[in-house]
Amino acid sequence: MIEPTPIIDLTTSGAARTSLAEHLITAKNLQATLDDAKSGLRIVNAHAELSTHTWDGIEEWVGEDGTLGLKDPKIVESDVQVQISFLRKLKFLYLEQNAKDKYVKTIVSDDAPLVTPALNEELRVRNEEKKAALREHKAKLAERRDDLRALSGFVEEDYKKAQALTLQASTLSQKILDARLSLTRLRQAHPHPRLTITTANQQLDGQVEEMQALDAELADAHEKIATVRERIKVGTADVEKLRSVRAEVEKAVEIGAGERVEDGRVTELYDWFSTTTLTYHALVSLLSAHSESDNELRLTYRVHEREVCITLLFIPNTRRLAEARVEGVEEHVIGDVVDAHVMENDVSGLVWAVLARARTT
């Protein structure tokens, strides 16, 4: 505790004044000595040296204003580790210099230092107190570190949630802007007056009438198709009749040639039949028709500059169709037309159905 300085009595004697002047001169000399010693102490300049110390590899961390732009936690941790290492070295140097100074003073001094067991015990007690305080601070630091590690997971989870919500908000705002833009475009594309209930009903009535007209046209087209099919059936029957007539004429020609019957009508009928057959072949695009065997007939047609071959197999000694093979047309185009006509034993229908499917491709 600082003792209060007694008030100087100006009425004191001359001897007291002389003693006071001596004390003042001694204080000034002590102050000058301390100022000279202060400039030589390294611990005084340690703060400035630490502030101006340059760390290895930290040049790229310096910001535009000359300050350290430590933002990354890893960079901060590395910087803290470097500073801790520097301070430890500084502490070691201080202890070393202090110990050397004490050692030199102890050797050079004329009076031996008075070290008593009481002083050693006092130093030991102080060291124990400092160690206990250090352990307490270390325990608090470890506890704080554990708390930070435990809370870092929650912070990261909250950060991820906040990031997801931010992204969702950004997406929703973008969708809102897109919806507004689409609405503006629709309003510009459909200016006033817009479609009302009355005009919509009128438009619907017009569409109904148009659909009815199209249905009527479709019905007419179906009727025409049915008529054409009937004509085709009639033409097919006529062709079958002509085939039978041709067979009879050929037999008559053979008989007439064998018996040498001089009948000019046979030749005329034969020529007529041949011409009719060639005309029919040209109409239906039939290239060739010949029998491979007694129960196999091969028909070759030309459809769109390609040949379509239909092979018909009959049950021997009957007119029942057993199998039909089609070449020159893809299978998915024909579908199940062949099997359906084979089951119905409809040869002409099979031929015309296959040719119709082939002409559509």
Protein backbone atom coordinates (compact mmCIF):
# COMPACT_ATOMS: atom_id res chain seq x y z
CA MET A 1 0.00 0.00 0.00
CA ILE A 2 1.39 3.46 -0.92
CA GLU A 3 1.97 5.61 2.07
CA PRO A 4 0.69 9.23 1.82
CA THR A 5 3.49 11.73 1.22
CA PRO A 6 3.81 14.16 4.10
CA ILE A 7 3.30 17.82 3.35
CA ILE A 8 6.60 19.71 3.19
CA ASP A 9 6.87 22.40 5.72
CA LEU A 10 8.31 25.46 4.00
CA THR A 11 9.27 26.86 7.33
CA THR A 12 11.74 24.04 7.99
CA SER A 13 15.37 24.67 8.60
CA GLY A 14 18.20 24.97 6.05
CA ALA A 15 19.48 21.44 6.75
CA ALA A 16 16.10 19.97 5.91
CA ARG A 17 16.06 21.94 2.68
CA THR A 18 19.47 20.61 1.73
CA SER A 19 18.35 17.01 2.39
CA LEU A 20 15.23 17.54 0.28
CA ALA A 21 17.27 18.84 -2.67
CA GLU A 22 19.54 15.83 -2.44
CA HIS A 23 16.53 13.48 -2.52
CA LEU A 24 15.17 15.32 -5.58
CA ILE A 25 18.45 14.99 -7.43
CA THR A 26 18.61 11.27 -6.55
CA ALA A 27 15.06 10.75 -7.90
CA LYS A 28 15.91 12.51 -11.15
CA ASN A 29 19.01 10.38 -11.57
CA LEU A 30 16.95 7.22 -10.93
CA GLN A 31 14.35 8.34 -13.50
CA ALA A 32 17.08 8.92 -16.11
CA THR A 33 18.59 5.49 -15.35
CA LEU A 34 15.20 3.81 -15.77
CA ASP A 35 14.60 5.60 -19.08
CA ASP A 36 18.00 4.45 -20.36
CA ALA A 37 17.31 0.89 -19.20
CA LYS A 38 13.81 0.89 -20.70
CA SER A 39 15.18 1.47 -24.19
CA GLY A 40 17.44 -1.56 -23.81
CA LEU A 41 14.82 -4.01 -22.48
CA ARG A 42 13.62 -6.51 -25.12
CA ILE A 43 10.28 -7.13 -23.44
CA VAL A 44 9.28 -3.51 -24.06
CA ASN A 45 9.68 -3.93 -27.81
CA ALA A 46 8.18 -7.44 -27.88
CA HIS A 47 4.65 -6.11 -28.50
CA ALA A 48 5.76 -4.02 -31.47
CA GLU A 49 7.82 -6.91 -32.86
CA LEU A 50 4.85 -9.25 -32.58
CA SER A 51 2.59 -6.77 -34.37
CA THR A 52 5.08 -6.27 -37.20
CA HIS A 53 6.14 -9.90 -37.42
CA THR A 54 5.72 -11.42 -40.91
CA TRP A 55 4.60 -15.03 -41.10
CA ASP A 56 5.91 -17.45 -43.71
CA GLY A 57 3.49 -18.10 -46.57
CA ILE A 58 0.93 -15.48 -45.46
CA GLU A 59 1.61 -12.98 -48.25
CA GLU A 60 -1.34 -14.23 -50.28
CA TRP A 61 -3.70 -13.68 -47.29
CA VAL A 62 -3.07 -9.91 -47.12
CA GLY A 63 -6.06 -7.88 -48.26
CA GLU A 64 -6.16 -4.78 -50.42
CA ASP A 65 -5.90 -2.46 -47.40
CA GLY A 66 -2.81 -4.24 -46.02
CA THR A 67 -4.71 -6.13 -43.29
CA LEU A 68 -4.94 -9.88 -43.00
CA GLY A 69 -8.06 -11.14 -44.71
CA LEU A 70 -8.43 -14.28 -42.61
CA LYS A 71 -11.89 -15.56 -43.38
CA ASP A 72 -11.40 -19.28 -43.87
CA PRO A 73 -11.44 -21.20 -40.53
CA LYS A 74 -8.56 -23.37 -41.70
CA ILE A 75 -6.46 -20.30 -42.43
CA VAL A 76 -7.36 -18.82 -39.04
CA GLU A 77 -6.42 -22.07 -37.31
CA SER A 78 -3.08 -22.17 -39.12
CA ASP A 79 -2.40 -18.55 -38.16
CA VAL A 80 -3.23 -19.25 -34.51
CA GLN A 81 -0.90 -22.25 -34.47
CA VAL A 82 1.92 -20.15 -35.92
CA GLN A 83 1.35 -17.40 -33.33
CA ILE A 84 1.29 -19.94 -30.49
CA SER A 85 4.59 -21.39 -31.72
CA PHE A 86 6.10 -17.91 -31.92
CA LEU A 87 4.93 -16.99 -28.40
CA ARG A 88 6.33 -20.22 -26.99
CA LYS A 89 9.69 -19.48 -28.54
CA LEU A 90 9.50 -15.92 -27.19
CA LYS A 91 8.65 -17.23 -23.71
CA PHE A 92 11.53 -19.68 -23.83
CA LEU A 93 13.94 -16.94 -24.87
CA TYR A 94 12.67 -14.70 -22.06
CA LEU A 95 13.12 -17.44 -19.45
CA GLU A 96 16.54 -18.24 -20.81
CA GLN A 97 17.68 -14.60 -20.74
CA ASN A 98 16.17 -14.11 -17.28
CA ALA A 99 17.95 -17.19 -15.95
CA LYS A 100 21.25 -16.07 -17.49
CA ASP A 101 20.83 -12.61 -16.02
CA LYS A 102 20.16 -14.00 -12.56
CA TYR A 103 23.02 -16.43 -12.88
CA VAL A 104 25.46 -13.72 -13.92
CA LYS A 105 24.27 -11.40 -11.15
CA THR A 106 24.62 -14.22 -8.64
CA ILE A 107 28.21 -14.94 -9.73
CA VAL A 108 29.31 -11.34 -10.04
CA SER A 109 27.59 -10.08 -6.88
CA ASP A 110 29.76 -9.80 -3.80
CA ASP A 111 26.95 -10.76 -1.45
CA ALA A 112 25.63 -14.28 -1.70
CA PRO A 113 21.86 -14.37 -2.32
CA LEU A 114 19.88 -15.23 0.72
CA VAL A 115 17.87 -18.35 -0.22
CA THR A 116 16.06 -19.85 2.72
CA PRO A 117 13.77 -22.87 2.97
CA ALA A 118 10.90 -20.49 3.69
CA LEU A 119 11.53 -18.72 0.40
CA ASN A 120 11.67 -22.05 -1.44
CA GLU A 121 8.44 -23.12 0.22
CA GLU A 122 6.81 -19.82 -0.75
CA LEU A 123 7.94 -20.28 -4.35
CA ARG A 124 6.66 -23.87 -4.36
CA VAL A 125 3.26 -22.76 -3.05
CA ARG A 126 3.06 -20.06 -5.72
CA ASN A 127 3.98 -22.57 -8.40
CA GLU A 128 1.31 -24.97 -7.15
CA GLU A 129 -1.27 -22.20 -7.20
CA LYS A 130 -0.26 -21.20 -10.70
CA LYS A 131 -0.36 -24.84 -11.83
CA ALA A 132 -3.81 -25.31 -10.30
CA ALA A 133 -5.05 -22.15 -12.00
CA LEU A 134 -3.50 -23.32 -15.27
CA ARG A 135 -5.17 -26.74 -14.96
CA GLU A 136 -8.50 -25.04 -14.26
CA HIS A 137 -8.11 -22.82 -17.29
CA LYS A 138 -7.15 -25.82 -19.41
CA ALA A 139 -10.19 -27.75 -18.19
CA LYS A 140 -12.45 -24.80 -19.03
CA LEU A 141 -10.81 -24.49 -22.42
CA ALA A 142 -11.27 -28.23 -23.10
CA GLU A 143 -14.91 -27.99 -21.96
CA ARG A 144 -15.47 -24.99 -24.22
CA ARG A 145 -13.82 -26.86 -27.08
CA ASP A 146 -16.05 -29.91 -26.52
CA ASP A 147 -19.10 -27.65 -26.44
CA LEU A 148 -18.04 -26.06 -29.70
CA ARG A 149 -17.53 -29.46 -31.30
CA ALA A 150 -20.94 -30.62 -30.08
CA LEU A 151 -22.63 -27.46 -31.29
CA SER A 152 -20.81 -27.44 -34.64
CA GLY A 153 -22.98 -30.34 -35.85
CA PHE A 154 -26.18 -28.48 -35.01
CA VAL A 155 -24.82 -25.33 -36.58
CA GLU A 156 -23.95 -27.22 -39.75
CA GLU A 157 -27.42 -28.82 -39.83
CA ASP A 158 -29.08 -25.43 -39.33
CA TYR A 159 -26.85 -23.98 -42.02
CA LYS A 160 -27.87 -26.71 -44.46
CA LYS A 161 -31.53 -26.14 -43.63
CA ALA A 162 -31.12 -22.42 -44.12
CA GLN A 163 -29.31 -23.04 -47.40
CA ALA A 164 -32.10 -25.38 -48.59
CA LEU A 165 -34.75 -22.85 -47.59
CA THR A 166 -32.83 -20.12 -49.36
CA LEU A 167 -32.61 -22.22 -52.51
CA GLN A 168 -36.31 -23.06 -52.26
CA ALA A 169 -37.17 -19.40 -51.80
CA SER A 170 -35.03 -18.48 -54.81
CA THR A 171 -36.71 -21.19 -56.90
CA LEU A 172 -40.18 -20.10 -55.83
CA SER A 173 -39.41 -16.47 -56.56
CA GLN A 174 -38.15 -17.46 -60.02
CA LYS A 175 -41.33 -19.46 -60.63
CA ILE A 176 -43.43 -16.50 -59.51
CA LEU A 177 -41.59 -14.26 -61.95
CA ASP A 178 -42.06 -16.83 -64.75
CA ALA A 179 -45.77 -17.09 -63.96
CA ARG A 180 -46.14 -13.33 -64.02
CA LEU A 181 -44.28 -13.15 -67.31
CA SER A 182 -46.48 -15.90 -68.80
CA LEU A 183 -49.61 -14.11 -67.57
CA THR A 184 -48.39 -10.87 -69.14
CA ARG A 185 -47.73 -12.62 -72.44
CA LEU A 186 -51.18 -14.21 -72.39
CA ARG A 187 -52.78 -10.84 -71.75
CA GLN A 188 -50.83 -9.33 -74.62
CA ALA A 189 -51.67 -12.25 -76.93
CA HIS A 190 -55.38 -12.08 -76.03
CA PRO A 191 -56.33 -8.45 -75.66
CA HIS A 192 -59.82 -7.19 -74.83
CA PRO A 193 -62.47 -8.26 -75.58
CA ARG A 194 -61.56 -11.73 -74.40
CA LEU A 195 -63.59 -14.92 -74.76
CA THR A 196 -66.84 -14.81 -72.80
CA ILE A 197 -69.36 -17.50 -71.94
CA THR A 198 -71.67 -16.54 -74.82
CA THR A 199 -68.91 -16.50 -77.42
CA ALA A 200 -67.56 -19.77 -76.02
CA ASN A 201 -70.99 -21.40 -76.38
CA GLN A 202 -71.25 -20.10 -79.93
CA GLN A 203 -67.81 -21.46 -80.74
CA LEU A 204 -68.79 -24.80 -79.19
CA ASP A 205 -71.97 -24.95 -81.30
CA GLY A 206 -69.93 -24.25 -84.41
CA GLN A 207 -67.50 -27.04 -83.52
CA VAL A 208 -70.42 -29.44 -82.91
CA GLU A 209 -71.86 -28.64 -86.33
CA GLU A 210 -68.46 -29.12 -87.91
CA MET A 211 -68.08 -32.50 -86.18
CA GLN A 212 -71.52 -33.55 -87.39
CA ALA A 213 -70.56 -32.60 -90.94
CA LEU A 214 -67.35 -34.57 -90.62
CA ASP A 215 -69.28 -37.57 -89.25
CA ALA A 216 -71.61 -37.38 -92.26
CA GLU A 217 -68.61 -37.29 -94.61
CA LEU A 218 -67.12 -40.26 -92.77
CA ALA A 219 -70.36 -42.20 -93.13
CA ASP A 220 -70.43 -41.41 -96.88
CA ALA A 221 -66.83 -42.59 -97.15
CA HIS A 222 -67.73 -45.87 -95.39
CA GLU A 223 -70.65 -46.37 -97.77
CA LYS A 224 -68.38 -45.78 -100.75
CA ILE A 225 -65.88 -48.26 -99.34
CA ALA A 226 -68.65 -50.85 -98.90
CA THR A 227 -69.80 -50.24 -102.49
CA VAL A 228 -66.26 -50.63 -103.81
CA ARG A 229 -65.88 -53.85 -101.84
CA GLU A 230 -69.08 -55.20 -103.37
CA ARG A 231 -67.78 -54.31 -106.80
CA ILE A 232 -64.51 -56.03 -106.03
CA LYS A 233 -66.37 -59.15 -104.95
CA VAL A 234 -68.41 -59.07 -108.14
CA GLY A 235 -65.23 -58.56 -110.19
CA THR A 236 -63.59 -61.44 -108.37
CA ALA A 237 -66.56 -63.69 -109.15
CA ASP A 238 -66.33 -62.66 -112.81
CA VAL A 239 -62.65 -63.48 -112.80
CA GLU A 240 -63.36 -66.92 -111.37
CA LYS A 241 -65.96 -67.47 -114.06
CA LEU A 242 -63.47 -66.37 -116.73
CA ARG A 243 -60.92 -68.77 -115.34
CA SER A 244 -63.35 -71.63 -115.61
CA VAL A 245 -64.22 -70.54 -119.15
CA ARG A 246 -60.55 -70.39 -120.00
CA ALA A 247 -60.00 -73.88 -118.65
CA GLU A 248 -62.90 -75.19 -120.75
CA VAL A 249 -61.62 -73.38 -123.81
CA GLU A 250 -58.12 -74.76 -123.35
CA LYS A 251 -59.56 -78.25 -123.03
CA ALA A 252 -61.63 -77.69 -126.14
CA VAL A 253 -58.55 -76.42 -127.97
CA GLU A 254 -56.61 -79.48 -126.93
CA ILE A 255 -59.46 -81.77 -127.98
CA GLY A 256 -59.84 -79.89 -131.25
CA ALA A 257 -56.13 -80.08 -131.89
CA GLY A 258 -56.15 -83.79 -131.12
CA GLU A 259 -59.14 -84.55 -133.31
CA ARG A 260 -58.12 -81.97 -135.89
CA VAL A 261 -61.47 -80.30 -135.83
CA GLU A 262 -61.50 -77.46 -138.26
CA ASP A 263 -63.52 -74.90 -136.32
CA GLY A 264 -62.49 -71.26 -136.60
CA ARG A 265 -64.50 -70.29 -133.53
CA VAL A 266 -62.10 -72.16 -131.24
CA THR A 267 -59.19 -70.05 -132.34
CA GLU A 268 -61.16 -66.84 -132.02
CA LEU A 269 -62.32 -67.81 -128.53
CA TYR A 270 -58.77 -68.69 -127.57
CA ASP A 271 -57.44 -65.35 -128.78
CA TRP A 272 -60.22 -63.51 -127.02
CA PHE A 273 -59.55 -65.38 -123.83
CA SER A 274 -55.82 -64.76 -124.02
CA THR A 275 -56.37 -61.04 -124.61
CA THR A 276 -58.85 -60.86 -121.75
CA THR A 277 -56.42 -62.66 -119.45
CA LEU A 278 -53.56 -60.33 -120.32
CA THR A 279 -55.80 -57.30 -119.79
CA TYR A 280 -56.86 -58.62 -116.38
CA HIS A 281 -53.26 -59.29 -115.43
CA ALA A 282 -52.35 -55.71 -116.36
CA LEU A 283 -55.29 -54.32 -114.37
CA VAL A 284 -54.44 -56.22 -111.19
CA SER A 285 -50.64 -55.94 -111.74
CA LEU A 286 -50.26 -59.74 -111.87
CA LEU A 287 -46.83 -60.66 -113.20
CA SER A 288 -47.08 -64.45 -113.11
CA ALA A 289 -49.32 -67.22 -111.82
CA HIS A 290 -48.20 -70.83 -111.93
CA SER A 291 -48.65 -74.03 -109.96
CA GLU A 292 -45.62 -75.41 -108.16
CA SER A 293 -47.48 -78.68 -107.52
CA ASP A 294 -50.99 -80.11 -107.52
CA ASN A 295 -51.92 -78.25 -104.33
CA GLU A 296 -49.66 -75.16 -104.49
CA LEU A 297 -50.29 -71.94 -106.42
CA ARG A 298 -47.79 -69.07 -106.63
CA LEU A 299 -48.99 -65.57 -107.55
CA THR A 300 -46.56 -62.71 -108.20
CA TYR A 301 -47.80 -59.08 -108.26
CA ARG A 302 -46.05 -55.76 -108.83
CA VAL A 303 -46.89 -53.12 -106.22
CA HIS A 304 -45.08 -49.77 -106.27
CA GLU A 305 -42.12 -51.08 -108.30
CA ARG A 306 -41.65 -54.10 -106.05
CA GLU A 307 -42.73 -57.72 -106.32
CA VAL A 308 -45.15 -59.27 -103.84
CA CYS A 309 -45.31 -63.06 -103.95
CA ILE A 310 -48.31 -64.92 -102.48
CA THR A 311 -48.03 -68.69 -102.14
CA LEU A 312 -51.33 -70.57 -101.59
CA LEU A 313 -51.31 -74.16 -100.28
CA PHE A 314 -54.50 -76.21 -100.54
CA ILE A 315 -55.50 -79.48 -98.95
CA PRO A 316 -54.85 -82.18 -101.57
CA ASN A 317 -57.87 -83.15 -103.68
CA THR A 318 -59.95 -80.39 -102.13
CA ARG A 319 -60.56 -76.68 -102.63
CA ARG A 320 -59.86 -75.96 -98.99
CA LEU A 321 -57.10 -73.41 -98.28
CA ALA A 322 -54.57 -74.84 -95.79
CA GLU A 323 -51.81 -72.20 -95.62
CA ALA A 324 -50.71 -68.95 -97.22
CA ARG A 325 -47.27 -67.31 -97.31
CA VAL A 326 -46.54 -63.72 -98.32
CA GLU A 327 -43.14 -62.43 -99.46
CA GLY A 328 -42.17 -58.85 -100.21
CA VAL A 329 -44.31 -57.23 -97.48
CA GLU A 330 -43.28 -56.73 -93.84
CA GLU A 331 -45.04 -58.91 -91.32
CA HIS A 332 -46.23 -56.07 -89.06
CA VAL A 333 -47.97 -54.46 -92.09
CA ILE A 334 -49.99 -57.59 -92.85
CA GLY A 335 -50.86 -58.43 -89.26
CA ASP A 336 -53.33 -61.26 -88.78
CA VAL A 337 -55.09 -60.77 -92.15
CA VAL A 338 -53.62 -63.97 -93.59
CA ASP A 339 -54.71 -66.21 -90.72
CA ALA A 340 -58.23 -64.76 -90.68
CA HIS A 341 -58.78 -65.37 -94.41
CA VAL A 342 -57.22 -68.85 -94.22
CA MET A 343 -59.68 -69.77 -91.49
CA GLU A 344 -62.56 -68.44 -93.64
CA ASN A 345 -61.16 -70.15 -96.78
CA ASP A 346 -61.46 -66.81 -98.62
CA VAL A 347 -58.73 -66.87 -101.28
CA SER A 348 -59.82 -63.79 -103.21
CA GLY A 349 -60.34 -61.79 -100.02
CA LEU A 350 -56.85 -62.80 -98.85
CA VAL A 351 -55.23 -61.68 -102.11
CA TRP A 352 -57.02 -58.32 -102.22
CA ALA A 353 -56.41 -57.66 -98.51
CA VAL A 354 -52.67 -58.34 -98.87
CA LEU A 355 -52.44 -56.12 -101.97
CA ALA A 356 -54.36 -53.34 -100.21
CA ARG A 357 -52.01 -53.47 -97.23
CA ALA A 358 -48.98 -53.50 -99.52
CA ARG A 359 -50.21 -50.44 -101.47
CA THR A 360 -50.60 -48.41 -98.27
CA THR A 361 -46.88 -48.71 -97.43
